[in-house]
Amino acid sequence: MKLRLTALALAGCLAFSGGAFAQRMVRREGPPPRPFARSEMASPSTEVPMLPGEDVVLEVKIDGQGPYRFGLDTGGAGGGRISKTLAETLKLKAIGQVMGGDPSGKNVQTLEVVEAGALSVGGATWSGVHLVVRDLSHRNIDGILGFGLFEELLLTLDYPARRVRIEKGELPPADGREVLAFEDPHGVPQIRLKIGDLEIPADVDSGNVNGEIVLPGSYLDKVPLESEPKVVGRGRTGFNEFEIKQAPLKGSVQVGAVTIDRPRIDFIEIFPQANVGQVFLRRFAVTIDQKNNRIRFKPPASTASGALSPNLPSPPSRSENILSIAG
């Protein structure tokens, strides 16, 4: 799901603009139902560029019209979201409603669901796609592709190459180093972060544009920090507002064979779920195999060959900080 948080100094207002957290259906036992009728590939693999910008945004066609700008949010359960404006322009058929909210579970809302006859990304096409209608007028996109859309296919977000690949096949068995097993208790991929003796479940969230690692506020006194957490702004989803605190970790985070020293940790009091965002993900080509619940974090060839240390440094903090969290 995607939350866009814009923090201007300490008093900035952080606005979450509907992604993983703001767009996720109410939590349920197990993954959500299949959000499309059928998927087809013109060839075994198709590859498309990420459009310029910080978000993972792709060109998408709906019922032969477009292209339109859709974000790709691995933290967003289900088939995806569509702007109210585009849904009305295309005269998409309403098929029902869904209860939606952020992970806090507070202020849940009833949202309309429409069906797209055909949705295409490159040479991949899905028919009968269910899309939740949202007001996206504050963002430069027409919709969001959800994690559930790719449940039958391999999905690769190659951040270094700025490409997205969709293909048939499966990843090799998990080895605990480059290929990891993941869980999906609420319809998005969840891995384990190791911080000291702690193992913390965290959503893999491509909609979290500038966040590195987000932890619930309950971890403030459980992880070692280099300094007292500081308030960096106020956050807002389409459902709630909250305070954001931030501090660098004293030590490292380990994910498989990768160790990251002194990552920037953002704490959100009202959310119960940890989150790994693009500041972490963009070091890799990330491939997700939903059929086997496997995920691969593949660094660039130079890093894999040993030219760079596996202890990847965190990016410097910025006085103007944009944090997005997808779901």
Protein backbone atom coordinates (compact mmCIF):
# COMPACT_ATOMS: atom_id res chain seq x y z
CA MET A 1 0.00 0.00 0.00
CA LYS A 2 1.23 3.37 -0.40
CA LEU A 3 1.53 6.07 2.13
CA ARG A 4 3.14 9.27 1.04
CA LEU A 5 4.52 11.18 3.96
CA THR A 6 6.00 14.58 3.28
CA ALA A 7 7.90 15.91 6.26
CA LEU A 8 9.06 19.50 5.96
CA ALA A 9 11.45 19.98 8.88
CA LEU A 10 9.81 19.03 12.19
CA ALA A 11 6.49 20.72 11.63
CA GLY A 12 5.82 19.28 8.18
CA CYS A 13 2.55 17.58 7.36
CA LEU A 14 3.07 14.04 6.10
CA ALA A 15 0.37 12.99 3.68
CA PHE A 16 -0.13 9.29 2.99
CA SER A 17 -1.66 9.06 -0.44
CA GLY A 18 -3.25 5.69 -0.63
CA GLY A 19 -0.93 2.78 -1.19
CA ALA A 20 -0.19 -0.22 0.96
CA PHE A 21 -1.46 1.08 4.30
CA ALA A 22 -4.06 3.51 3.00
CA GLN A 23 -5.34 1.12 0.34
CA ARG A 24 -5.25 -2.23 2.04
CA MET A 25 -8.50 -4.02 2.70
CA VAL A 26 -9.43 -4.59 6.30
CA ARG A 27 -7.22 -7.28 7.78
CA ARG A 28 -8.59 -10.76 7.45
CA GLU A 29 -7.47 -14.33 8.11
CA GLY A 30 -5.48 -15.44 5.06
CA PRO A 31 -4.93 -13.69 1.74
CA PRO A 32 -7.81 -11.93 -0.04
CA PRO A 33 -9.77 -13.73 -2.77
CA ARG A 34 -8.38 -13.86 -6.31
CA PRO A 35 -8.89 -10.39 -7.84
CA PHE A 36 -9.12 -11.36 -11.53
CA ALA A 37 -10.72 -14.01 -13.75
CA ARG A 38 -7.78 -15.00 -15.96
CA SER A 39 -4.20 -14.01 -16.80
CA GLU A 40 -2.49 -14.45 -20.20
CA MET A 41 1.05 -13.90 -21.50
CA ALA A 42 1.79 -13.24 -25.19
CA SER A 43 5.27 -14.76 -24.57
CA PRO A 44 6.99 -16.40 -21.57
CA SER A 45 8.34 -13.02 -20.41
CA THR A 46 7.55 -9.33 -20.82
CA GLU A 47 9.58 -6.37 -19.61
CA VAL A 48 8.60 -2.71 -19.27
CA PRO A 49 10.44 0.39 -18.04
CA MET A 50 9.74 2.17 -14.79
CA LEU A 51 8.60 5.66 -15.72
CA PRO A 52 10.69 8.60 -14.44
CA GLY A 53 10.16 9.51 -10.80
CA GLU A 54 10.52 7.99 -7.34
CA ASP A 55 7.47 5.72 -7.52
CA VAL A 56 7.43 2.43 -9.41
CA VAL A 57 5.04 3.63 -12.13
CA LEU A 58 4.22 1.69 -15.31
CA GLU A 59 2.18 2.26 -18.45
CA VAL A 60 -1.09 0.31 -18.29
CA LYS A 61 -3.92 -0.14 -20.78
CA ILE A 62 -7.50 -0.83 -19.74
CA ASP A 63 -9.97 -2.29 -22.24
CA GLY A 64 -7.65 -1.26 -25.06
CA GLN A 65 -7.48 2.38 -23.97
CA GLY A 66 -4.51 4.29 -22.59
CA PRO A 67 -1.72 4.11 -21.73
CA TYR A 68 -2.42 5.23 -18.18
CA ARG A 69 0.01 5.74 -15.29
CA PHE A 70 -0.31 3.04 -12.62
CA GLY A 71 1.91 2.60 -9.59
CA LEU A 72 3.02 -0.93 -8.63
CA ASP A 73 2.59 -1.57 -4.93
CA THR A 74 3.73 -4.90 -3.45
CA GLY A 75 2.37 -3.67 -0.13
CA GLY A 76 -1.15 -3.34 -1.57
CA ALA A 77 -3.32 -6.45 -1.36
CA GLY A 78 -5.79 -7.39 -4.07
CA GLY A 79 -5.91 -6.49 -7.75
CA GLY A 80 -5.34 -2.78 -7.36
CA ARG A 81 -6.88 0.67 -7.18
CA ILE A 82 -8.21 3.02 -9.84
CA SER A 83 -8.87 6.74 -9.63
CA LYS A 84 -12.48 7.79 -9.42
CA THR A 85 -11.94 10.01 -12.45
CA LEU A 86 -10.63 7.20 -14.68
CA ALA A 87 -13.26 4.72 -13.50
CA GLU A 88 -15.96 7.20 -14.47
CA THR A 89 -14.28 8.06 -17.81
CA LEU A 90 -14.06 4.39 -18.79
CA LYS A 91 -17.58 3.72 -17.43
CA LEU A 92 -16.36 0.64 -15.55
CA LYS A 93 -19.08 -1.56 -14.08
CA ALA A 94 -19.54 -1.42 -10.32
CA ILE A 95 -19.60 -4.96 -8.91
CA GLY A 96 -19.80 -4.36 -5.17
CA GLN A 97 -18.20 -2.75 -2.17
CA VAL A 98 -15.35 -3.51 0.23
CA MET A 99 -14.42 -2.28 3.67
CA GLY A 100 -11.08 -0.47 3.49
CA GLY A 101 -8.67 1.15 5.90
CA ASP A 102 -5.08 1.36 7.07
CA PRO A 103 -3.34 -1.20 9.33
CA SER A 104 -4.52 0.56 12.47
CA GLY A 105 -8.02 -0.76 11.84
CA LYS A 106 -9.46 2.62 12.84
CA ASN A 107 -11.96 4.68 10.83
CA VAL A 108 -12.74 1.94 8.28
CA GLN A 109 -14.61 3.12 5.18
CA THR A 110 -16.86 1.51 2.56
CA LEU A 111 -15.28 1.68 -0.92
CA GLU A 112 -16.72 0.89 -4.35
CA VAL A 113 -15.25 -1.94 -6.44
CA VAL A 114 -15.37 -1.90 -10.25
CA GLU A 115 -14.35 -4.47 -12.87
CA ALA A 116 -12.01 -3.85 -15.79
CA GLY A 117 -12.66 -6.16 -18.74
CA ALA A 118 -8.96 -6.31 -19.64
CA LEU A 119 -5.89 -4.76 -18.01
CA SER A 120 -2.53 -4.99 -19.82
CA VAL A 121 1.09 -4.34 -18.82
CA GLY A 122 3.45 -4.98 -21.72
CA GLY A 123 2.63 -8.46 -23.03
CA ALA A 124 0.75 -9.53 -19.89
CA THR A 125 -3.05 -9.22 -19.79
CA TRP A 126 -5.56 -9.90 -17.02
CA SER A 127 -9.30 -10.14 -17.58
CA GLY A 128 -12.08 -9.43 -15.12
CA VAL A 129 -9.85 -7.39 -12.81
CA HIS A 130 -11.38 -6.06 -9.59
CA LEU A 131 -10.23 -2.53 -8.74
CA VAL A 132 -11.06 -0.46 -5.67
CA VAL A 133 -12.10 3.10 -6.53
CA ARG A 134 -10.14 5.83 -4.72
CA ASP A 135 -9.68 9.57 -4.97
CA LEU A 136 -6.16 9.89 -6.43
CA SER A 137 -6.50 13.50 -7.57
CA HIS A 138 -3.61 14.54 -5.31
CA ARG A 139 -1.21 12.16 -7.07
CA ASN A 140 0.22 11.97 -10.57
CA ILE A 141 -1.12 8.47 -11.25
CA ASP A 142 -4.34 6.95 -12.56
CA GLY A 143 -4.29 3.84 -10.40
CA ILE A 144 -2.24 1.24 -8.50
CA LEU A 145 -1.42 -2.37 -9.43
CA GLY A 146 -1.85 -4.59 -6.36
CA PHE A 147 0.25 -7.56 -5.27
CA GLY A 148 -2.56 -10.03 -5.90
CA LEU A 149 -2.55 -9.30 -9.63
CA PHE A 150 0.72 -11.26 -10.01
CA GLU A 151 -0.19 -14.37 -8.02
CA GLU A 152 0.29 -16.72 -11.02
CA LEU A 153 3.50 -15.14 -12.35
CA LEU A 154 7.03 -14.16 -11.39
CA LEU A 155 7.33 -10.43 -10.75
CA THR A 156 10.73 -8.72 -10.80
CA LEU A 157 11.30 -5.11 -9.80
CA ASP A 158 14.82 -4.45 -11.10
CA TYR A 159 15.59 -1.17 -9.39
CA PRO A 160 19.20 -0.75 -10.64
CA ALA A 161 18.04 -1.24 -14.26
CA ARG A 162 14.75 0.66 -13.72
CA ARG A 163 12.77 -2.20 -15.31
CA VAL A 164 9.87 -4.45 -14.30
CA ARG A 165 9.72 -7.99 -15.64
CA ILE A 166 6.68 -10.30 -15.58
CA GLU A 167 7.23 -13.93 -16.56
CA LYS A 168 6.22 -17.53 -16.21
CA GLY A 169 8.27 -19.86 -14.02
CA GLU A 170 9.40 -20.11 -10.42
CA LEU A 171 12.34 -19.26 -8.20
CA PRO A 172 14.76 -21.93 -6.94
CA PRO A 173 14.17 -23.22 -3.41
CA ALA A 174 14.88 -20.82 -0.57
CA ASP A 175 18.50 -20.89 0.59
CA GLY A 176 18.20 -18.39 3.43
CA ARG A 177 20.67 -16.08 1.71
CA GLU A 178 19.59 -14.68 -1.67
CA VAL A 179 16.27 -16.53 -1.98
CA LEU A 180 14.06 -16.32 1.10
CA ALA A 181 10.74 -17.84 2.06
CA PHE A 182 8.00 -15.33 2.78
CA GLU A 183 4.57 -15.41 4.38
CA ASP A 184 1.46 -13.52 3.25
CA PRO A 185 -0.89 -13.46 6.24
CA HIS A 186 -2.77 -10.42 4.87
CA GLY A 187 -2.16 -10.68 1.14
CA VAL A 188 1.25 -9.00 0.83
CA PRO A 189 4.79 -10.49 1.12
CA GLN A 190 6.17 -10.58 4.65
CA ILE A 191 9.82 -11.38 5.42
CA ARG A 192 11.86 -11.50 8.64
CA LEU A 193 14.24 -8.73 9.68
CA LYS A 194 16.97 -9.58 12.17
CA ILE A 195 17.96 -6.81 14.57
CA GLY A 196 20.23 -8.22 17.24
CA ASP A 197 18.34 -11.08 18.86
CA LEU A 198 15.01 -9.90 17.49
CA GLU A 199 13.25 -11.33 14.43
CA ILE A 200 10.65 -8.86 13.18
CA PRO A 201 8.05 -9.68 10.49
CA ALA A 202 7.97 -6.88 7.90
CA ASP A 203 5.96 -6.24 4.73
CA VAL A 204 7.95 -5.80 1.50
CA ASP A 205 6.46 -2.56 0.23
CA SER A 206 7.37 -1.01 -3.11
CA GLY A 207 4.81 1.69 -2.41
CA ASN A 208 6.93 3.00 0.46
CA VAL A 209 8.89 5.35 -1.77
CA ASN A 210 11.43 6.95 0.54
CA GLY A 211 11.22 4.86 3.67
CA GLU A 212 13.94 2.38 4.53
CA ILE A 213 12.56 0.50 7.53
CA VAL A 214 9.35 1.36 9.37
CA LEU A 215 8.63 -0.17 12.78
CA PRO A 216 5.56 0.02 15.00
CA GLY A 217 5.88 2.38 17.95
CA SER A 218 5.95 -0.65 20.27
CA TYR A 219 9.57 -1.27 19.17
CA LEU A 220 10.85 2.11 20.40
CA ASP A 221 12.24 0.58 23.59
CA LYS A 222 13.15 -2.78 22.03
CA VAL A 223 15.76 -1.85 19.40
CA PRO A 224 19.08 -0.02 20.05
CA LEU A 225 19.14 3.52 18.67
CA GLU A 226 22.03 5.95 18.21
CA SER A 227 19.98 8.89 19.45
CA GLU A 228 16.64 9.71 20.98
CA PRO A 229 13.91 9.45 18.31
CA LYS A 230 12.79 12.83 17.02
CA VAL A 231 9.41 13.81 15.66
CA VAL A 232 9.85 14.49 11.93
CA GLY A 233 6.26 15.42 11.14
CA ARG A 234 2.64 14.40 11.15
CA GLY A 235 1.36 11.56 8.99
CA ARG A 236 -1.99 11.15 7.32
CA THR A 237 -3.65 8.32 5.42
CA GLY A 238 -7.07 8.55 3.88
CA PHE A 239 -8.33 7.27 7.23
CA ASN A 240 -6.14 8.54 10.10
CA GLU A 241 -3.50 11.05 11.21
CA PHE A 242 -0.47 10.21 13.35
CA GLU A 243 2.97 11.30 14.50
CA ILE A 244 6.21 10.09 12.88
CA LYS A 245 9.37 9.57 14.95
CA GLN A 246 12.79 8.76 13.47
CA ALA A 247 16.27 7.71 14.61
CA PRO A 248 19.25 5.78 13.18
CA LEU A 249 19.66 2.23 14.41
CA LYS A 250 22.67 1.54 16.61
CA GLY A 251 23.90 -1.57 14.84
CA SER A 252 22.64 -3.38 11.76
CA VAL A 253 19.67 -5.10 10.16
CA GLN A 254 20.10 -8.46 8.45
CA VAL A 255 17.89 -9.82 5.67
CA GLY A 256 19.19 -13.14 4.37
CA ALA A 257 22.86 -12.62 3.49
CA VAL A 258 22.54 -8.82 3.38
CA THR A 259 23.56 -6.66 6.33
CA ILE A 260 22.70 -2.97 6.45
CA ASP A 261 24.53 -0.80 8.96
CA ARG A 262 22.82 2.06 10.79
CA PRO A 263 19.60 2.13 8.76
CA ARG A 264 17.15 4.97 9.31
CA ILE A 265 14.20 3.71 11.36
CA ASP A 266 10.81 5.40 11.26
CA PHE A 267 8.37 4.64 14.07
CA ILE A 268 4.58 4.86 13.60
CA GLU A 269 2.67 4.44 16.84
CA ILE A 270 -0.72 3.35 15.53
CA PHE A 271 0.46 0.74 13.00
CA PRO A 272 1.09 -2.83 14.20
CA GLN A 273 3.15 -3.95 11.20
CA ALA A 274 6.82 -3.35 10.25
CA ASN A 275 7.62 -2.34 6.68
CA VAL A 276 10.60 -2.45 4.29
CA GLY A 277 10.52 0.36 1.73
CA GLN A 278 12.24 1.43 -1.46
CA VAL A 279 15.34 2.89 0.20
CA PHE A 280 16.14 -0.72 1.08
CA LEU A 281 14.66 -2.37 -2.02
CA ARG A 282 16.30 -0.21 -4.68
CA ARG A 283 19.66 -1.83 -3.98
CA PHE A 284 18.36 -5.01 -5.66
CA ALA A 285 16.47 -6.71 -8.42
CA VAL A 286 13.61 -8.09 -6.29
CA THR A 287 11.83 -11.16 -7.69
CA ILE A 288 8.65 -12.50 -6.06
CA ASP A 289 7.26 -15.99 -6.65
CA GLN A 290 3.80 -16.09 -5.09
CA LYS A 291 3.05 -19.67 -6.11
CA ASN A 292 5.88 -20.93 -3.89
CA ASN A 293 6.10 -18.02 -1.41
CA ARG A 294 9.70 -17.20 -2.34
CA ILE A 295 11.43 -13.87 -2.77
CA ARG A 296 14.91 -13.12 -4.13
CA PHE A 297 17.05 -10.07 -3.39
CA LYS A 298 19.66 -10.00 -6.15
CA PRO A 299 22.28 -7.21 -5.96
CA PRO A 300 23.95 -5.77 -9.08
CA ALA A 301 26.63 -7.96 -10.68
CA SER A 302 29.44 -5.81 -9.27
CA THR A 303 28.15 -6.31 -5.73
CA ALA A 304 27.50 -10.01 -6.24
CA SER A 305 31.05 -10.51 -7.50
CA GLY A 306 32.49 -9.00 -4.35
CA ALA A 307 33.42 -5.60 -5.79
CA LEU A 308 31.29 -3.96 -3.08
CA SER A 309 30.89 -4.89 0.57
CA PRO A 310 27.66 -6.69 1.46
CA ASN A 311 27.35 -4.21 4.35
CA LEU A 312 25.41 -1.67 2.34
CA PRO A 313 25.40 1.86 3.76
CA SER A 314 22.14 3.66 4.41
CA PRO A 315 21.43 6.82 2.44
CA PRO A 316 21.92 10.07 4.36
CA SER A 317 18.92 11.66 6.04
CA ARG A 318 17.31 14.65 4.37
CA SER A 319 15.84 17.75 5.96
CA GLU A 320 12.92 17.33 3.55
CA ASN A 321 11.93 13.70 3.87
CA ILE A 322 9.31 11.86 1.81
CA LEU A 323 8.25 8.54 3.20
CA SER A 324 5.84 6.29 1.32
CA ILE A 325 4.47 3.06 2.61
CA ALA A 326 2.69 0.73 0.25
CA GLY A 327 -0.27 -1.63 1.03
